[in-house]
Amino acid sequence: MVDDNNHNNTETAKRRDMALRRALSTPPKPKQAPVKPKKQKPKAQLKKDQG
């Protein structure tokens, strides 16, 4: 697991850099708002599955 994390550090760093560059280059879009309710829906489904 430690080795995998070490190898993935470079990939995660690149992904973070790209995300930061995109965030700085583009202003916050209204598309971010509908993303939150989408995350809540699967949680509700998980609760139903557990019940």
PDB file of N, CA and C in Angstrom:
ATOM      1  N   MET A   1       0.852  -1.205   0.000  1.00  0.00           N
ATOM      2  CA  MET A   1       0.000   0.000   0.000  1.00  0.00           C
ATOM      3  C   MET A   1       0.884   1.250   0.000  1.00  0.00           C
ATOM      4  N   VAL A   2       1.932   1.233   0.817  1.00  0.00           N
ATOM      5  CA  VAL A   2       2.806   2.410   0.887  1.00  0.00           C
ATOM      6  C   VAL A   2       3.452   2.674  -0.469  1.00  0.00           C
ATOM      7  N   ASP A   3       3.920   1.586  -1.114  1.00  0.00           N
ATOM      8  CA  ASP A   3       4.546   1.753  -2.426  1.00  0.00           C
ATOM      9  C   ASP A   3       3.556   2.345  -3.427  1.00  0.00           C
ATOM     10  N   ASP A   4       2.334   1.825  -3.418  1.00  0.00           N
ATOM     11  CA  ASP A   4       1.320   2.332  -4.354  1.00  0.00           C
ATOM     12  C   ASP A   4       1.091   3.821  -4.110  1.00  0.00           C
ATOM     13  N   ASN A   5       0.999   4.212  -2.838  1.00  0.00           N
ATOM     14  CA  ASN A   5       0.765   5.625  -2.526  1.00  0.00           C
ATOM     15  C   ASN A   5       1.919   6.478  -3.039  1.00  0.00           C
ATOM     16  N   ASN A   6       3.142   5.995  -2.862  1.00  0.00           N
ATOM     17  CA  ASN A   6       4.306   6.756  -3.329  1.00  0.00           C
ATOM     18  C   ASN A   6       4.246   6.943  -4.841  1.00  0.00           C
ATOM     19  N   HIS A   7       3.894   5.893  -5.559  1.00  0.00           N
ATOM     20  CA  HIS A   7       3.826   5.989  -7.024  1.00  0.00           C
ATOM     21  C   HIS A   7       2.692   6.923  -7.447  1.00  0.00           C
ATOM     22  N   ASN A   8       1.594   6.908  -6.678  1.00  0.00           N
ATOM     23  CA  ASN A   8       0.428   7.707  -7.042  1.00  0.00           C
ATOM     24  C   ASN A   8       0.611   9.179  -6.663  1.00  0.00           C
ATOM     25  N   ASN A   9       1.583   9.463  -5.805  1.00  0.00           N
ATOM     26  CA  ASN A   9       1.785  10.853  -5.377  1.00  0.00           C
ATOM     27  C   ASN A   9       1.993  11.769  -6.571  1.00  0.00           C
ATOM     28  N   THR A  10       2.801  11.336  -7.537  1.00  0.00           N
ATOM     29  CA  THR A  10       3.072  12.180  -8.711  1.00  0.00           C
ATOM     30  C   THR A  10       1.789  12.388  -9.504  1.00  0.00           C
ATOM     31  N   GLU A  11       1.000  11.327  -9.673  1.00  0.00           N
ATOM     32  CA  GLU A  11      -0.244  11.446 -10.454  1.00  0.00           C
ATOM     33  C   GLU A  11      -1.220  12.374  -9.752  1.00  0.00           C
ATOM     34  N   THR A  12      -1.370  12.215  -8.443  1.00  0.00           N
ATOM     35  CA  THR A  12      -2.302  13.068  -7.703  1.00  0.00           C
ATOM     36  C   THR A  12      -1.825  14.518  -7.758  1.00  0.00           C
ATOM     37  N   ALA A  13      -0.523  14.725  -7.676  1.00  0.00           N
ATOM     38  CA  ALA A  13       0.013  16.087  -7.735  1.00  0.00           C
ATOM     39  C   ALA A  13      -0.329  16.723  -9.076  1.00  0.00           C
ATOM     40  N   LYS A  14      -0.156  15.959 -10.152  1.00  0.00           N
ATOM     41  CA  LYS A  14      -0.489  16.498 -11.480  1.00  0.00           C
ATOM     42  C   LYS A  14      -1.977  16.820 -11.566  1.00  0.00           C
ATOM     43  N   ARG A  15      -2.805  15.916 -11.039  1.00  0.00           N
ATOM     44  CA  ARG A  15      -4.255  16.152 -11.085  1.00  0.00           C
ATOM     45  C   ARG A  15      -4.606  17.399 -10.294  1.00  0.00           C
ATOM     46  N   ARG A  16      -3.974  17.575  -9.130  1.00  0.00           N
ATOM     47  CA  ARG A  16      -4.248  18.774  -8.323  1.00  0.00           C
ATOM     48  C   ARG A  16      -3.825  20.023  -9.089  1.00  0.00           C
ATOM     49  N   ASP A  17      -2.665  19.966  -9.716  1.00  0.00           N
ATOM     50  CA  ASP A  17      -2.189  21.123 -10.485  1.00  0.00           C
ATOM     51  C   ASP A  17      -3.190  21.469 -11.579  1.00  0.00           C
ATOM     52  N   MET A  18      -3.664  20.468 -12.307  1.00  0.00           N
ATOM     53  CA  MET A  18      -4.612  20.719 -13.393  1.00  0.00           C
ATOM     54  C   MET A  18      -5.905  21.307 -12.827  1.00  0.00           C
ATOM     55  N   ALA A  19      -6.375  20.761 -11.707  1.00  0.00           N
ATOM     56  CA  ALA A  19      -7.613  21.255 -11.096  1.00  0.00           C
ATOM     57  C   ALA A  19      -7.431  22.707 -10.663  1.00  0.00           C
ATOM     58  N   LEU A  20      -6.276  23.010 -10.058  1.00  0.00           N
ATOM     59  CA  LEU A  20      -6.030  24.386  -9.608  1.00  0.00           C
ATOM     60  C   LEU A  20      -5.958  25.325 -10.805  1.00  0.00           C
ATOM     61  N   ARG A  21      -5.284  24.892 -11.860  1.00  0.00           N
ATOM     62  CA  ARG A  21      -5.167  25.737 -13.058  1.00  0.00           C
ATOM     63  C   ARG A  21      -6.546  25.992 -13.666  1.00  0.00           C
ATOM     64  N   ARG A  22      -7.353  24.953 -13.720  1.00  0.00           N
ATOM     65  CA  ARG A  22      -8.706  25.119 -14.286  1.00  0.00           C
ATOM     66  C   ARG A  22      -9.520  26.071 -13.417  1.00  0.00           C
ATOM     67  N   ALA A  23      -9.415  25.914 -12.108  1.00  0.00           N
ATOM     68  CA  ALA A  23     -10.186  26.766 -11.192  1.00  0.00           C
ATOM     69  C   ALA A  23      -9.751  28.225 -11.348  1.00  0.00           C
ATOM     70  N   LEU A  24      -8.448  28.447 -11.485  1.00  0.00           N
ATOM     71  CA  LEU A  24      -7.953  29.823 -11.601  1.00  0.00           C
ATOM     72  C   LEU A  24      -8.301  30.403 -12.973  1.00  0.00           C
ATOM     73  N   SER A  25      -8.180  29.580 -14.008  1.00  0.00           N
ATOM     74  CA  SER A  25      -8.422  30.080 -15.368  1.00  0.00           C
ATOM     75  C   SER A  25      -9.916  30.326 -15.596  1.00  0.00           C
ATOM     76  N   THR A  26     -10.765  29.478 -15.000  1.00  0.00           N
ATOM     77  CA  THR A  26     -12.213  29.623 -15.217  1.00  0.00           C
ATOM     78  C   THR A  26     -12.906  30.012 -13.909  1.00  0.00           C
ATOM     79  N   PRO A  27     -13.789  30.999 -13.930  1.00  0.00           N
ATOM     80  CA  PRO A  27     -14.522  31.396 -12.736  1.00  0.00           C
ATOM     81  C   PRO A  27     -15.513  30.311 -12.324  1.00  0.00           C
ATOM     82  N   PRO A  28     -16.001  30.321 -11.084  1.00  0.00           N
ATOM     83  CA  PRO A  28     -16.971  29.303 -10.643  1.00  0.00           C
ATOM     84  C   PRO A  28     -18.213  29.310 -11.508  1.00  0.00           C
ATOM     85  N   LYS A  29     -18.550  28.170 -12.068  1.00  0.00           N
ATOM     86  CA  LYS A  29     -19.722  28.079 -12.949  1.00  0.00           C
ATOM     87  C   LYS A  29     -20.947  27.640 -12.141  1.00  0.00           C
ATOM     88  N   PRO A  30     -22.152  27.993 -12.597  1.00  0.00           N
ATOM     89  CA  PRO A  30     -23.381  27.572 -11.910  1.00  0.00           C
ATOM     90  C   PRO A  30     -23.566  26.056 -11.954  1.00  0.00           C
ATOM     91  N   LYS A  31     -22.778  25.368 -12.784  1.00  0.00           N
ATOM     92  CA  LYS A  31     -22.895  23.916 -12.882  1.00  0.00           C
ATOM     93  C   LYS A  31     -22.484  23.251 -11.566  1.00  0.00           C
ATOM     94  N   GLN A  32     -21.680  23.935 -10.762  1.00  0.00           N
ATOM     95  CA  GLN A  32     -21.230  23.342  -9.501  1.00  0.00           C
ATOM     96  C   GLN A  32     -22.402  23.152  -8.540  1.00  0.00           C
ATOM     97  N   ALA A  33     -23.427  23.991  -8.625  1.00  0.00           N
ATOM     98  CA  ALA A  33     -24.564  23.900  -7.704  1.00  0.00           C
ATOM     99  C   ALA A  33     -25.309  22.567  -7.858  1.00  0.00           C
ATOM    100  N   PRO A  34     -25.720  22.176  -9.076  1.00  0.00           N
ATOM    101  CA  PRO A  34     -26.453  20.920  -9.232  1.00  0.00           C
ATOM    102  C   PRO A  34     -25.621  19.688  -8.904  1.00  0.00           C
ATOM    103  N   VAL A  35     -24.312  19.836  -8.793  1.00  0.00           N
ATOM    104  CA  VAL A  35     -23.475  18.670  -8.487  1.00  0.00           C
ATOM    105  C   VAL A  35     -23.738  18.185  -7.061  1.00  0.00           C
ATOM    106  N   LYS A  36     -24.032  19.105  -6.147  1.00  0.00           N
ATOM    107  CA  LYS A  36     -24.249  18.715  -4.746  1.00  0.00           C
ATOM    108  C   LYS A  36     -25.471  17.798  -4.587  1.00  0.00           C
ATOM    109  N   PRO A  37     -26.632  18.135  -5.136  1.00  0.00           N
ATOM    110  CA  PRO A  37     -27.796  17.255  -4.986  1.00  0.00           C
ATOM    111  C   PRO A  37     -27.567  15.873  -5.590  1.00  0.00           C
ATOM    112  N   LYS A  38     -26.744  15.794  -6.619  1.00  0.00           N
ATOM    113  CA  LYS A  38     -26.455  14.499  -7.229  1.00  0.00           C
ATOM    114  C   LYS A  38     -25.742  13.598  -6.217  1.00  0.00           C
ATOM    115  N   LYS A  39     -24.874  14.187  -5.409  1.00  0.00           N
ATOM    116  CA  LYS A  39     -24.153  13.387  -4.414  1.00  0.00           C
ATOM    117  C   LYS A  39     -25.113  12.912  -3.321  1.00  0.00           C
ATOM    118  N   GLN A  40     -26.121  13.717  -3.012  1.00  0.00           N
ATOM    119  CA  GLN A  40     -27.056  13.345  -1.952  1.00  0.00           C
ATOM    120  C   GLN A  40     -27.946  12.186  -2.391  1.00  0.00           C
ATOM    121  N   LYS A  41     -28.288  12.120  -3.666  1.00  0.00           N
ATOM    122  CA  LYS A  41     -29.183  11.064  -4.147  1.00  0.00           C
ATOM    123  C   LYS A  41     -28.590   9.668  -3.902  1.00  0.00           C
ATOM    124  N   PRO A  42     -27.334   9.415  -4.291  1.00  0.00           N
ATOM    125  CA  PRO A  42     -26.772   8.075  -4.053  1.00  0.00           C
ATOM    126  C   PRO A  42     -26.727   7.729  -2.573  1.00  0.00           C
ATOM    127  N   LYS A  43     -26.531   8.726  -1.710  1.00  0.00           N
ATOM    128  CA  LYS A  43     -26.508   8.468  -0.272  1.00  0.00           C
ATOM    129  C   LYS A  43     -27.869   7.947   0.172  1.00  0.00           C
ATOM    130  N   ALA A  44     -28.929   8.556  -0.314  1.00  0.00           N
ATOM    131  CA  ALA A  44     -30.279   8.113   0.047  1.00  0.00           C
ATOM    132  C   ALA A  44     -30.480   6.672  -0.419  1.00  0.00           C
ATOM    133  N   GLN A  45     -29.995   6.363  -1.618  1.00  0.00           N
ATOM    134  CA  GLN A  45     -30.139   5.005  -2.145  1.00  0.00           C
ATOM    135  C   GLN A  45     -29.381   4.020  -1.261  1.00  0.00           C
ATOM    136  N   LEU A  46     -28.202   4.421  -0.791  1.00  0.00           N
ATOM    137  CA  LEU A  46     -27.428   3.535   0.073  1.00  0.00           C
ATOM    138  C   LEU A  46     -28.199   3.264   1.359  1.00  0.00           C
ATOM    139  N   LYS A  47     -28.835   4.297   1.916  1.00  0.00           N
ATOM    140  CA  LYS A  47     -29.621   4.111   3.137  1.00  0.00           C
ATOM    141  C   LYS A  47     -30.744   3.119   2.887  1.00  0.00           C
ATOM    142  N   LYS A  48     -31.409   3.229   1.742  1.00  0.00           N
ATOM    143  CA  LYS A  48     -32.497   2.304   1.415  1.00  0.00           C
ATOM    144  C   LYS A  48     -31.950   0.883   1.300  1.00  0.00           C
ATOM    145  N   ASP A  49     -30.784   0.732   0.682  1.00  0.00           N
ATOM    146  CA  ASP A  49     -30.191  -0.598   0.528  1.00  0.00           C
ATOM    147  C   ASP A  49     -29.873  -1.193   1.901  1.00  0.00           C
ATOM    148  N   GLN A  50     -29.349  -0.355   2.797  1.00  0.00           N
ATOM    149  CA  GLN A  50     -29.006  -0.844   4.133  1.00  0.00           C
ATOM    150  C   GLN A  50     -30.263  -1.260   4.885  1.00  0.00           C
ATOM    151  N   GLY A  51     -31.357  -0.482   4.715  1.00  0.00           N
ATOM    152  CA  GLY A  51     -32.602  -0.779   5.425  1.00  0.00           C
ATOM    153  C   GLY A  51     -33.176  -2.075   4.924  1.00  0.00           C
TER     154      GLY A  51
END
